[in-house]
Amino acid sequence: MKNKIRVLRAEKEMTQASLAEETGVSRQTINAIEKGKFDPSLPLAFKISRLFGRSIEEIFEYEY
């Protein structure tokens, strides 16, 4: 799954660690999501979308 988390973090000058802390996951989880190696759970996707003030669809794009 493609995502825009890295770009959104950069816009807010957030580190992976600070995003992880805000969403209640590990920095490694954020890293894996950014690299497309791990798809977030729906509750985590909602937390990330609320934090950045964007819809889930604006952040995550499913690859067929």
PDB file of N, CA and C in Angstrom:
ATOM      1  N   MET A   1       0.836  -1.167   0.000  1.00  0.00           N
ATOM      2  CA  MET A   1       0.000   0.000   0.000  1.00  0.00           C
ATOM      3  C   MET A   1       0.891   1.243   0.000  1.00  0.00           C
ATOM      4  N   LYS A   2       0.641   2.127  -0.943  1.00  0.00           N
ATOM      5  CA  LYS A   2       1.376   3.389  -0.983  1.00  0.00           C
ATOM      6  C   LYS A   2       0.803   4.334   0.058  1.00  0.00           C
ATOM      7  N   ASN A   3       1.646   5.242   0.542  1.00  0.00           N
ATOM      8  CA  ASN A   3       1.152   6.228   1.500  1.00  0.00           C
ATOM      9  C   ASN A   3       1.993   7.499   1.433  1.00  0.00           C
ATOM     10  N   LYS A   4       1.470   8.549   2.028  1.00  0.00           N
ATOM     11  CA  LYS A   4       2.118   9.859   2.029  1.00  0.00           C
ATOM     12  C   LYS A   4       2.600  10.257   3.416  1.00  0.00           C
ATOM     13  N   ILE A   5       2.811   9.283   4.272  1.00  0.00           N
ATOM     14  CA  ILE A   5       3.168   9.592   5.652  1.00  0.00           C
ATOM     15  C   ILE A   5       4.492  10.344   5.740  1.00  0.00           C
ATOM     16  N   ARG A   6       5.490   9.918   5.003  1.00  0.00           N
ATOM     17  CA  ARG A   6       6.798  10.578   5.064  1.00  0.00           C
ATOM     18  C   ARG A   6       6.669  12.059   4.685  1.00  0.00           C
ATOM     19  N   VAL A   7       5.920  12.353   3.644  1.00  0.00           N
ATOM     20  CA  VAL A   7       5.730  13.736   3.189  1.00  0.00           C
ATOM     21  C   VAL A   7       4.974  14.541   4.242  1.00  0.00           C
ATOM     22  N   LEU A   8       3.912  13.953   4.794  1.00  0.00           N
ATOM     23  CA  LEU A   8       3.129  14.656   5.813  1.00  0.00           C
ATOM     24  C   LEU A   8       3.943  14.901   7.074  1.00  0.00           C
ATOM     25  N   ARG A   9       4.781  13.931   7.441  1.00  0.00           N
ATOM     26  CA  ARG A   9       5.659  14.121   8.610  1.00  0.00           C
ATOM     27  C   ARG A   9       6.614  15.280   8.369  1.00  0.00           C
ATOM     28  N   ALA A  10       7.172  15.331   7.169  1.00  0.00           N
ATOM     29  CA  ALA A  10       8.128  16.396   6.837  1.00  0.00           C
ATOM     30  C   ALA A  10       7.451  17.766   6.908  1.00  0.00           C
ATOM     31  N   GLU A  11       6.216  17.847   6.434  1.00  0.00           N
ATOM     32  CA  GLU A  11       5.486  19.112   6.477  1.00  0.00           C
ATOM     33  C   GLU A  11       5.292  19.598   7.911  1.00  0.00           C
ATOM     34  N   LYS A  12       5.089  18.655   8.833  1.00  0.00           N
ATOM     35  CA  LYS A  12       4.884  19.005  10.244  1.00  0.00           C
ATOM     36  C   LYS A  12       6.179  18.935  11.048  1.00  0.00           C
ATOM     37  N   GLU A  13       7.295  18.659  10.371  1.00  0.00           N
ATOM     38  CA  GLU A  13       8.601  18.518  11.010  1.00  0.00           C
ATOM     39  C   GLU A  13       8.548  17.504  12.158  1.00  0.00           C
ATOM     40  N   MET A  14       7.932  16.362  11.882  1.00  0.00           N
ATOM     41  CA  MET A  14       7.816  15.283  12.862  1.00  0.00           C
ATOM     42  C   MET A  14       8.829  14.189  12.545  1.00  0.00           C
ATOM     43  N   THR A  15       9.319  13.558  13.560  1.00  0.00           N
ATOM     44  CA  THR A  15      10.162  12.385  13.374  1.00  0.00           C
ATOM     45  C   THR A  15       9.279  11.139  13.381  1.00  0.00           C
ATOM     46  N   GLN A  16       9.855  10.029  12.938  1.00  0.00           N
ATOM     47  CA  GLN A  16       9.128   8.768  13.030  1.00  0.00           C
ATOM     48  C   GLN A  16       8.814   8.462  14.486  1.00  0.00           C
ATOM     49  N   ALA A  17       9.752   8.757  15.365  1.00  0.00           N
ATOM     50  CA  ALA A  17       9.564   8.476  16.786  1.00  0.00           C
ATOM     51  C   ALA A  17       8.413   9.291  17.370  1.00  0.00           C
ATOM     52  N   SER A  18       8.312  10.565  16.996  1.00  0.00           N
ATOM     53  CA  SER A  18       7.235  11.384  17.551  1.00  0.00           C
ATOM     54  C   SER A  18       5.874  10.951  16.995  1.00  0.00           C
ATOM     55  N   LEU A  19       5.822  10.561  15.730  1.00  0.00           N
ATOM     56  CA  LEU A  19       4.572  10.042  15.163  1.00  0.00           C
ATOM     57  C   LEU A  19       4.189   8.738  15.850  1.00  0.00           C
ATOM     58  N   ALA A  20       5.178   7.896  16.087  1.00  0.00           N
ATOM     59  CA  ALA A  20       4.925   6.626  16.780  1.00  0.00           C
ATOM     60  C   ALA A  20       4.355   6.875  18.174  1.00  0.00           C
ATOM     61  N   GLU A  21       4.934   7.815  18.882  1.00  0.00           N
ATOM     62  CA  GLU A  21       4.461   8.126  20.236  1.00  0.00           C
ATOM     63  C   GLU A  21       3.026   8.650  20.210  1.00  0.00           C
ATOM     64  N   GLU A  22       2.734   9.523  19.260  1.00  0.00           N
ATOM     65  CA  GLU A  22       1.389  10.101  19.136  1.00  0.00           C
ATOM     66  C   GLU A  22       0.333   9.048  18.806  1.00  0.00           C
ATOM     67  N   THR A  23       0.735   8.009  18.066  1.00  0.00           N
ATOM     68  CA  THR A  23      -0.231   6.996  17.619  1.00  0.00           C
ATOM     69  C   THR A  23      -0.182   5.717  18.440  1.00  0.00           C
ATOM     70  N   GLY A  24       0.770   5.617  19.361  1.00  0.00           N
ATOM     71  CA  GLY A  24       0.828   4.464  20.248  1.00  0.00           C
ATOM     72  C   GLY A  24       1.430   3.212  19.651  1.00  0.00           C
ATOM     73  N   VAL A  25       2.327   3.400  18.674  1.00  0.00           N
ATOM     74  CA  VAL A  25       3.029   2.259  18.082  1.00  0.00           C
ATOM     75  C   VAL A  25       4.533   2.507  18.161  1.00  0.00           C
ATOM     76  N   SER A  26       5.323   1.552  17.698  1.00  0.00           N
ATOM     77  CA  SER A  26       6.777   1.718  17.726  1.00  0.00           C
ATOM     78  C   SER A  26       7.259   2.494  16.496  1.00  0.00           C
ATOM     79  N   ARG A  27       8.453   3.058  16.619  1.00  0.00           N
ATOM     80  CA  ARG A  27       9.058   3.749  15.480  1.00  0.00           C
ATOM     81  C   ARG A  27       9.254   2.780  14.328  1.00  0.00           C
ATOM     82  N   GLN A  28       9.575   1.522  14.646  1.00  0.00           N
ATOM     83  CA  GLN A  28       9.780   0.504  13.614  1.00  0.00           C
ATOM     84  C   GLN A  28       8.493   0.259  12.824  1.00  0.00           C
ATOM     85  N   THR A  29       7.352   0.349  13.506  1.00  0.00           N
ATOM     86  CA  THR A  29       6.076   0.182  12.811  1.00  0.00           C
ATOM     87  C   THR A  29       5.852   1.317  11.824  1.00  0.00           C
ATOM     88  N   ILE A  30       6.125   2.534  12.245  1.00  0.00           N
ATOM     89  CA  ILE A  30       5.983   3.694  11.344  1.00  0.00           C
ATOM     90  C   ILE A  30       6.926   3.547  10.161  1.00  0.00           C
ATOM     91  N   ASN A  31       8.152   3.129  10.412  1.00  0.00           N
ATOM     92  CA  ASN A  31       9.122   2.924   9.348  1.00  0.00           C
ATOM     93  C   ASN A  31       8.622   1.883   8.344  1.00  0.00           C
ATOM     94  N   ALA A  32       8.099   0.782   8.844  1.00  0.00           N
ATOM     95  CA  ALA A  32       7.606  -0.289   7.966  1.00  0.00           C
ATOM     96  C   ALA A  32       6.399   0.175   7.148  1.00  0.00           C
ATOM     97  N   ILE A  33       5.524   0.967   7.753  1.00  0.00           N
ATOM     98  CA  ILE A  33       4.368   1.494   7.018  1.00  0.00           C
ATOM     99  C   ILE A  33       4.840   2.424   5.907  1.00  0.00           C
ATOM    100  N   GLU A  34       5.764   3.329   6.241  1.00  0.00           N
ATOM    101  CA  GLU A  34       6.282   4.274   5.240  1.00  0.00           C
ATOM    102  C   GLU A  34       6.924   3.556   4.059  1.00  0.00           C
ATOM    103  N   LYS A  35       7.602   2.452   4.329  1.00  0.00           N
ATOM    104  CA  LYS A  35       8.278   1.702   3.267  1.00  0.00           C
ATOM    105  C   LYS A  35       7.353   0.743   2.517  1.00  0.00           C
ATOM    106  N   GLY A  36       6.092   0.664   2.951  1.00  0.00           N
ATOM    107  CA  GLY A  36       5.136  -0.217   2.292  1.00  0.00           C
ATOM    108  C   GLY A  36       5.299  -1.676   2.649  1.00  0.00           C
ATOM    109  N   LYS A  37       6.018  -1.948   3.739  1.00  0.00           N
ATOM    110  CA  LYS A  37       6.250  -3.324   4.169  1.00  0.00           C
ATOM    111  C   LYS A  37       5.196  -3.807   5.153  1.00  0.00           C
ATOM    112  N   PHE A  38       4.367  -2.876   5.638  1.00  0.00           N
ATOM    113  CA  PHE A  38       3.354  -3.217   6.637  1.00  0.00           C
ATOM    114  C   PHE A  38       2.143  -2.323   6.406  1.00  0.00           C
ATOM    115  N   ASP A  39       0.969  -2.931   6.377  1.00  0.00           N
ATOM    116  CA  ASP A  39      -0.267  -2.157   6.246  1.00  0.00           C
ATOM    117  C   ASP A  39      -0.830  -1.910   7.641  1.00  0.00           C
ATOM    118  N   PRO A  40      -1.165  -0.666   7.933  1.00  0.00           N
ATOM    119  CA  PRO A  40      -1.671  -0.362   9.278  1.00  0.00           C
ATOM    120  C   PRO A  40      -3.064  -0.944   9.494  1.00  0.00           C
ATOM    121  N   SER A  41      -3.386  -1.188  10.742  1.00  0.00           N
ATOM    122  CA  SER A  41      -4.745  -1.593  11.082  1.00  0.00           C
ATOM    123  C   SER A  41      -5.669  -0.409  10.815  1.00  0.00           C
ATOM    124  N   LEU A  42      -6.945  -0.677  10.728  1.00  0.00           N
ATOM    125  CA  LEU A  42      -7.895   0.410  10.506  1.00  0.00           C
ATOM    126  C   LEU A  42      -7.879   1.432  11.644  1.00  0.00           C
ATOM    127  N   PRO A  43      -7.849   1.002  12.913  1.00  0.00           N
ATOM    128  CA  PRO A  43      -7.762   2.006  13.987  1.00  0.00           C
ATOM    129  C   PRO A  43      -6.493   2.874  13.890  1.00  0.00           C
ATOM    130  N   LEU A  44      -5.375   2.279  13.516  1.00  0.00           N
ATOM    131  CA  LEU A  44      -4.139   3.052  13.368  1.00  0.00           C
ATOM    132  C   LEU A  44      -4.243   4.014  12.188  1.00  0.00           C
ATOM    133  N   ALA A  45      -4.827   3.569  11.095  1.00  0.00           N
ATOM    134  CA  ALA A  45      -5.019   4.449   9.932  1.00  0.00           C
ATOM    135  C   ALA A  45      -5.881   5.651  10.316  1.00  0.00           C
ATOM    136  N   PHE A  46      -6.928   5.420  11.126  1.00  0.00           N
ATOM    137  CA  PHE A  46      -7.762   6.530  11.588  1.00  0.00           C
ATOM    138  C   PHE A  46      -6.978   7.485  12.475  1.00  0.00           C
ATOM    139  N   LYS A  47      -6.147   6.961  13.375  1.00  0.00           N
ATOM    140  CA  LYS A  47      -5.328   7.824  14.238  1.00  0.00           C
ATOM    141  C   LYS A  47      -4.404   8.700  13.402  1.00  0.00           C
ATOM    142  N   ILE A  48      -3.753   8.084  12.417  1.00  0.00           N
ATOM    143  CA  ILE A  48      -2.826   8.829  11.557  1.00  0.00           C
ATOM    144  C   ILE A  48      -3.586   9.899  10.770  1.00  0.00           C
ATOM    145  N   SER A  49      -4.737   9.547  10.232  1.00  0.00           N
ATOM    146  CA  SER A  49      -5.504  10.516   9.439  1.00  0.00           C
ATOM    147  C   SER A  49      -5.974  11.692  10.295  1.00  0.00           C
ATOM    148  N   ARG A  50      -6.402  11.415  11.513  1.00  0.00           N
ATOM    149  CA  ARG A  50      -6.831  12.502  12.405  1.00  0.00           C
ATOM    150  C   ARG A  50      -5.665  13.397  12.784  1.00  0.00           C
ATOM    151  N   LEU A  51      -4.525  12.791  13.043  1.00  0.00           N
ATOM    152  CA  LEU A  51      -3.343  13.552  13.433  1.00  0.00           C
ATOM    153  C   LEU A  51      -2.933  14.538  12.339  1.00  0.00           C
ATOM    154  N   PHE A  52      -3.021  14.103  11.086  1.00  0.00           N
ATOM    155  CA  PHE A  52      -2.620  14.961   9.970  1.00  0.00           C
ATOM    156  C   PHE A  52      -3.779  15.774   9.396  1.00  0.00           C
ATOM    157  N   GLY A  53      -4.998  15.551   9.899  1.00  0.00           N
ATOM    158  CA  GLY A  53      -6.146  16.310   9.405  1.00  0.00           C
ATOM    159  C   GLY A  53      -6.493  15.993   7.970  1.00  0.00           C
ATOM    160  N   ARG A  54      -6.277  14.758   7.582  1.00  0.00           N
ATOM    161  CA  ARG A  54      -6.574  14.306   6.214  1.00  0.00           C
ATOM    162  C   ARG A  54      -7.432  13.048   6.276  1.00  0.00           C
ATOM    163  N   SER A  55      -8.115  12.756   5.184  1.00  0.00           N
ATOM    164  CA  SER A  55      -8.886  11.516   5.140  1.00  0.00           C
ATOM    165  C   SER A  55      -7.931  10.342   4.932  1.00  0.00           C
ATOM    166  N   ILE A  56      -8.385   9.172   5.282  1.00  0.00           N
ATOM    167  CA  ILE A  56      -7.571   7.965   5.070  1.00  0.00           C
ATOM    168  C   ILE A  56      -7.210   7.837   3.598  1.00  0.00           C
ATOM    169  N   GLU A  57      -8.168   8.131   2.724  1.00  0.00           N
ATOM    170  CA  GLU A  57      -7.934   8.015   1.279  1.00  0.00           C
ATOM    171  C   GLU A  57      -6.888   8.994   0.771  1.00  0.00           C
ATOM    172  N   GLU A  58      -6.736  10.125   1.445  1.00  0.00           N
ATOM    173  CA  GLU A  58      -5.713  11.096   1.048  1.00  0.00           C
ATOM    174  C   GLU A  58      -4.312  10.625   1.446  1.00  0.00           C
ATOM    175  N   ILE A  59      -4.229   9.788   2.458  1.00  0.00           N
ATOM    176  CA  ILE A  59      -2.931   9.336   2.962  1.00  0.00           C
ATOM    177  C   ILE A  59      -2.522   7.986   2.389  1.00  0.00           C
ATOM    178  N   PHE A  60      -3.476   7.071   2.297  1.00  0.00           N
ATOM    179  CA  PHE A  60      -3.190   5.712   1.859  1.00  0.00           C
ATOM    180  C   PHE A  60      -3.824   5.409   0.518  1.00  0.00           C
ATOM    181  N   GLU A  61      -3.067   4.738  -0.332  1.00  0.00           N
ATOM    182  CA  GLU A  61      -3.574   4.363  -1.655  1.00  0.00           C
ATOM    183  C   GLU A  61      -3.328   2.871  -1.865  1.00  0.00           C
ATOM    184  N   TYR A  62      -4.401   2.131  -2.061  1.00  0.00           N
ATOM    185  CA  TYR A  62      -4.276   0.691  -2.253  1.00  0.00           C
ATOM    186  C   TYR A  62      -3.733   0.390  -3.642  1.00  0.00           C
ATOM    187  N   GLU A  63      -2.750  -0.478  -3.709  1.00  0.00           N
ATOM    188  CA  GLU A  63      -2.176  -0.902  -4.986  1.00  0.00           C
ATOM    189  C   GLU A  63      -2.786  -2.223  -5.389  1.00  0.00           C
ATOM    190  N   TYR A  64      -3.312  -2.305  -6.589  1.00  0.00           N
ATOM    191  CA  TYR A  64      -3.905  -3.561  -7.079  1.00  0.00           C
ATOM    192  C   TYR A  64      -2.870  -4.478  -7.633  1.00  0.00           C
TER     193      TYR A  64
END
